[in-house]
Amino acid sequence: MPEHTPPNTASAAASAAAGAARGDIGRRIAQRRGELGLTRQETAERAGTVPSYLQYLEEQSTATPGTGVLIRLADALETTVTTLRGGDADLPPGVGRAAGHPELVELSTEECRARLSTHGVGRLAMSTPAGPIVVPVNYSVVDDAVTFRTAPDSAPAAAAGQQVAFEVDHIDEALSRGWSVLVRGRAREVTEPDAVRRLEERAYSGPWAGGERNTWVCIDLADITGRSITVR
């Protein structure tokens, strides 16, 4: 059977429509496409395959593409086969070598806000009685503020009333480039019922950690800076 033809396209489509979970490789392909802003058609053309096969890979949890297909997809998506397979999932980002001619560029405020986007995972830096700490939090951007929900007795909740820093970044291992955005300001707890209701309605998702996390904290975007590493 040709590698670009799904074994059962109709069955795969039906499974996807029924909410079948996508496999790890499919999720990574779809995520990388989104990062690059590519459609399935564009990605398929780059990889020398057809959109229906790409859809099959992304939506069928049992899909196992061959090495040749993965090599072409990795090239089309400007990444590596190891990354698509999840071989670096337990490693810290940035283990690749620096590029030959990198250039550090300051990002404008508008570029910083665009990269901060509407939601994601960032790092909250704050002071504690035991010393400074940095903790990851799921965040949303609501009403021009970084917003996150946490447990009342957690370390992030103690940020309320403090001057803090909040950082997000992205590393492109394949091309040895990336960017970071830093927000600095005073964190504040949101308790007013209407304001809490608005955050509950507009926040993108709940904390990945789960549990009872009903304390809302906001950091206004008054001081936001960023840098990117590009390759000439």
Protein backbone atom coordinates (compact mmCIF):
# COMPACT_ATOMS: atom_id res chain seq x y z
CA MET A 1 0.00 0.00 0.00
CA PRO A 2 1.48 3.45 -0.85
CA GLU A 3 2.74 5.29 2.21
CA HIS A 4 0.57 8.32 1.45
CA THR A 5 -2.69 6.36 1.44
CA PRO A 6 -4.49 5.76 4.76
CA PRO A 7 -5.43 2.09 5.31
CA ASN A 8 -9.04 3.06 5.86
CA THR A 9 -9.74 6.73 5.26
CA ALA A 10 -13.46 6.45 5.91
CA SER A 11 -12.88 4.57 9.15
CA ALA A 12 -10.24 7.06 10.28
CA ALA A 13 -12.53 9.99 9.54
CA ALA A 14 -15.36 8.34 11.42
CA SER A 15 -13.13 7.71 14.42
CA ALA A 16 -11.93 11.32 14.38
CA ALA A 17 -15.49 12.57 14.18
CA ALA A 18 -16.35 10.41 17.17
CA GLY A 19 -13.62 12.11 19.18
CA ALA A 20 -10.91 9.47 18.95
CA ALA A 21 -7.72 10.53 20.73
CA ARG A 22 -4.85 11.45 18.46
CA GLY A 23 -1.50 9.67 18.85
CA ASP A 24 1.58 11.44 20.13
CA ILE A 25 3.13 11.83 16.67
CA GLY A 26 -0.13 13.22 15.27
CA ARG A 27 -0.40 15.75 18.09
CA ARG A 28 3.18 16.89 17.55
CA ILE A 29 2.65 17.26 13.80
CA ALA A 30 -0.51 19.30 14.33
CA GLN A 31 1.11 21.45 17.01
CA ARG A 32 4.15 22.19 14.85
CA ARG A 33 1.91 23.04 11.87
CA GLY A 34 0.09 25.52 14.07
CA GLU A 35 3.35 27.09 15.26
CA LEU A 36 4.42 27.64 11.65
CA GLY A 37 0.95 28.73 10.51
CA LEU A 38 0.76 25.98 7.87
CA THR A 39 -2.37 24.32 6.55
CA ARG A 40 -2.51 20.59 5.93
CA GLN A 41 -2.40 21.28 2.21
CA GLU A 42 0.75 23.39 2.52
CA THR A 43 2.43 20.86 4.82
CA ALA A 44 1.55 17.96 2.54
CA GLU A 45 3.00 19.78 -0.47
CA ARG A 46 6.21 20.47 1.43
CA ALA A 47 6.49 16.84 2.51
CA GLY A 48 5.56 15.33 -0.85
CA THR A 49 2.42 13.60 0.38
CA VAL A 50 -1.33 14.28 0.30
CA PRO A 51 -3.53 16.14 2.82
CA SER A 52 -5.69 13.08 3.48
CA TYR A 53 -2.68 11.11 4.72
CA LEU A 54 -1.61 14.00 6.91
CA GLN A 55 -5.13 14.12 8.35
CA TYR A 56 -4.91 10.39 9.01
CA LEU A 57 -1.62 10.82 10.89
CA GLU A 58 -2.99 13.67 12.98
CA GLU A 59 -6.33 12.09 13.86
CA GLN A 60 -5.66 8.36 14.11
CA SER A 61 -4.05 7.35 17.41
CA THR A 62 -2.65 4.09 15.96
CA ALA A 63 -0.91 5.73 12.98
CA THR A 64 2.72 4.62 12.65
CA PRO A 65 4.38 6.46 9.75
CA GLY A 66 7.62 5.06 8.38
CA THR A 67 11.02 6.69 8.84
CA GLY A 68 10.99 8.09 5.30
CA VAL A 69 7.70 9.87 5.89
CA LEU A 70 8.91 11.25 9.21
CA ILE A 71 12.12 12.55 7.66
CA ARG A 72 10.16 14.44 5.00
CA LEU A 73 7.65 15.75 7.56
CA ALA A 74 10.42 16.87 9.90
CA ASP A 75 12.05 18.75 7.02
CA ALA A 76 8.72 20.29 5.99
CA LEU A 77 8.00 21.37 9.57
CA GLU A 78 11.53 22.65 10.22
CA THR A 79 12.11 20.25 13.10
CA THR A 80 13.64 16.81 13.70
CA VAL A 81 12.43 13.22 13.59
CA THR A 82 13.42 12.88 17.25
CA THR A 83 11.16 15.79 18.17
CA LEU A 84 8.20 14.39 16.21
CA ARG A 85 8.67 11.04 17.94
CA GLY A 86 8.87 12.72 21.35
CA GLY A 87 12.38 11.48 22.03
CA ASP A 88 13.30 14.80 23.64
CA ALA A 89 10.11 15.17 25.67
CA ASP A 90 11.90 14.69 29.01
CA LEU A 91 14.85 16.94 28.19
CA PRO A 92 15.08 20.67 28.90
CA PRO A 93 14.71 22.93 25.85
CA GLY A 94 17.80 24.36 24.20
CA VAL A 95 20.10 21.32 24.21
CA GLY A 96 21.09 21.94 20.58
CA ARG A 97 24.21 23.84 19.56
CA ALA A 98 24.15 27.55 18.87
CA ALA A 99 23.84 28.62 15.22
CA GLY A 100 26.84 29.90 13.33
CA HIS A 101 25.67 33.51 12.99
CA PRO A 102 23.04 34.33 15.66
CA GLU A 103 21.68 37.82 16.18
CA LEU A 104 19.99 39.08 19.35
CA VAL A 105 17.07 41.42 18.56
CA GLU A 106 14.95 43.52 20.91
CA LEU A 107 11.21 42.96 20.41
CA SER A 108 8.77 45.84 20.24
CA THR A 109 5.91 46.06 22.73
CA GLU A 110 3.48 44.94 20.02
CA GLU A 111 5.67 41.93 19.16
CA CYS A 112 5.92 41.01 22.84
CA ARG A 113 2.16 41.10 23.25
CA ALA A 114 1.70 38.99 20.11
CA ARG A 115 4.08 36.33 21.42
CA LEU A 116 2.47 36.38 24.83
CA SER A 117 -0.70 35.57 22.89
CA THR A 118 -3.93 34.69 24.71
CA HIS A 119 -2.78 31.78 26.86
CA GLY A 120 0.00 29.31 27.56
CA VAL A 121 2.43 28.20 30.25
CA GLY A 122 4.82 30.74 31.75
CA ARG A 123 7.20 31.11 34.69
CA LEU A 124 6.37 33.21 37.72
CA ALA A 125 9.38 34.59 39.63
CA MET A 126 8.73 35.86 43.15
CA SER A 127 10.19 36.22 46.62
CA THR A 128 9.41 33.89 49.53
CA PRO A 129 10.68 33.74 53.13
CA ALA A 130 13.01 30.95 52.02
CA GLY A 131 14.34 32.95 49.07
CA PRO A 132 13.39 33.65 45.44
CA ILE A 133 11.58 30.94 43.48
CA VAL A 134 10.39 30.39 39.92
CA VAL A 135 7.27 28.29 39.32
CA PRO A 136 5.38 27.40 36.10
CA VAL A 137 1.73 28.40 35.81
CA ASN A 138 -0.98 28.09 33.18
CA TYR A 139 -1.98 31.61 32.23
CA SER A 140 -4.47 33.55 30.14
CA VAL A 141 -4.31 37.17 28.99
CA VAL A 142 -7.57 38.87 30.02
CA ASP A 143 -8.22 42.63 30.02
CA ASP A 144 -4.55 43.43 29.37
CA ALA A 145 -3.27 41.39 32.28
CA VAL A 146 -1.58 38.02 32.73
CA THR A 147 -4.04 35.98 34.76
CA PHE A 148 -3.70 32.62 36.45
CA ARG A 149 -5.74 30.52 38.85
CA THR A 150 -4.13 28.72 41.76
CA ALA A 151 -4.80 27.17 45.18
CA PRO A 152 -5.12 29.64 48.09
CA ASP A 153 -2.24 28.04 50.04
CA SER A 154 0.11 27.62 47.07
CA ALA A 155 3.33 29.50 46.29
CA PRO A 156 1.81 31.36 43.29
CA ALA A 157 -1.03 32.65 45.49
CA ALA A 158 1.54 34.27 47.77
CA ALA A 159 2.62 36.45 44.84
CA ALA A 160 -0.41 38.71 45.40
CA GLY A 161 0.77 42.09 46.67
CA GLN A 162 4.38 41.53 45.53
CA GLN A 163 6.49 42.88 42.69
CA VAL A 164 6.98 39.85 40.48
CA ALA A 165 8.34 38.82 37.10
CA PHE A 166 6.55 36.60 34.61
CA GLU A 167 8.35 35.05 31.62
CA VAL A 168 7.35 33.05 28.55
CA ASP A 169 9.60 31.77 25.79
CA HIS A 170 9.86 29.50 22.80
CA ILE A 171 12.88 27.52 21.60
CA ASP A 172 13.23 26.25 18.03
CA GLU A 173 15.71 23.40 18.44
CA ALA A 174 15.92 22.68 14.73
CA LEU A 175 17.05 26.18 13.78
CA SER A 176 18.77 27.20 17.06
CA ARG A 177 16.60 30.26 17.47
CA GLY A 178 13.94 31.44 19.86
CA TRP A 179 12.43 34.30 21.81
CA SER A 180 11.49 35.33 25.34
CA VAL A 181 9.07 37.89 26.78
CA LEU A 182 9.30 39.32 30.29
CA VAL A 183 6.47 41.01 32.22
CA ARG A 184 7.24 42.85 35.46
CA GLY A 185 4.73 44.35 37.85
CA ARG A 186 2.74 44.00 41.03
CA ALA A 187 0.60 40.89 41.30
CA ARG A 188 -2.88 41.34 42.69
CA GLU A 189 -5.54 38.91 43.85
CA VAL A 190 -8.94 39.31 42.20
CA THR A 191 -11.82 38.81 44.61
CA GLU A 192 -14.64 41.09 43.39
CA PRO A 193 -17.45 38.72 42.25
CA ASP A 194 -18.09 40.35 38.85
CA ALA A 195 -14.36 40.46 38.08
CA VAL A 196 -13.96 36.81 39.09
CA ARG A 197 -16.93 35.86 36.93
CA ARG A 198 -15.38 37.66 33.96
CA LEU A 199 -12.10 35.80 34.43
CA GLU A 200 -13.93 32.48 34.67
CA GLU A 201 -15.71 33.25 31.41
CA ARG A 202 -12.69 34.48 29.46
CA ALA A 203 -9.78 32.40 30.77
CA TYR A 204 -8.71 29.85 28.19
CA SER A 205 -8.49 26.75 30.38
CA GLY A 206 -8.03 25.49 33.92
CA PRO A 207 -4.66 24.70 35.51
CA TRP A 208 -3.06 21.50 34.26
CA ALA A 209 -2.38 20.53 37.88
CA GLY A 210 -6.11 20.23 38.55
CA GLY A 211 -7.66 20.28 42.01
CA GLU A 212 -9.37 23.13 43.83
CA ARG A 213 -7.65 26.23 42.46
CA ASN A 214 -10.04 29.13 42.88
CA THR A 215 -7.66 31.97 43.73
CA TRP A 216 -7.26 34.38 40.81
CA VAL A 217 -4.09 36.46 40.46
CA CYS A 218 -3.40 39.13 37.81
CA ILE A 219 -0.26 40.93 36.66
CA ASP A 220 -0.83 44.03 34.52
CA LEU A 221 1.14 44.34 31.27
CA ALA A 222 2.47 47.84 32.01
CA ASP A 223 6.15 46.74 31.81
CA ILE A 224 6.73 44.21 29.04
CA THR A 225 9.98 43.57 27.16
CA GLY A 226 11.33 40.81 24.96
CA ARG A 227 14.19 39.55 22.84
CA SER A 228 14.58 37.07 20.03
CA ILE A 229 17.53 35.14 18.63
CA THR A 230 17.48 35.02 14.85
CA VAL A 231 19.92 33.31 12.51
CA ARG A 232 21.47 35.12 9.58
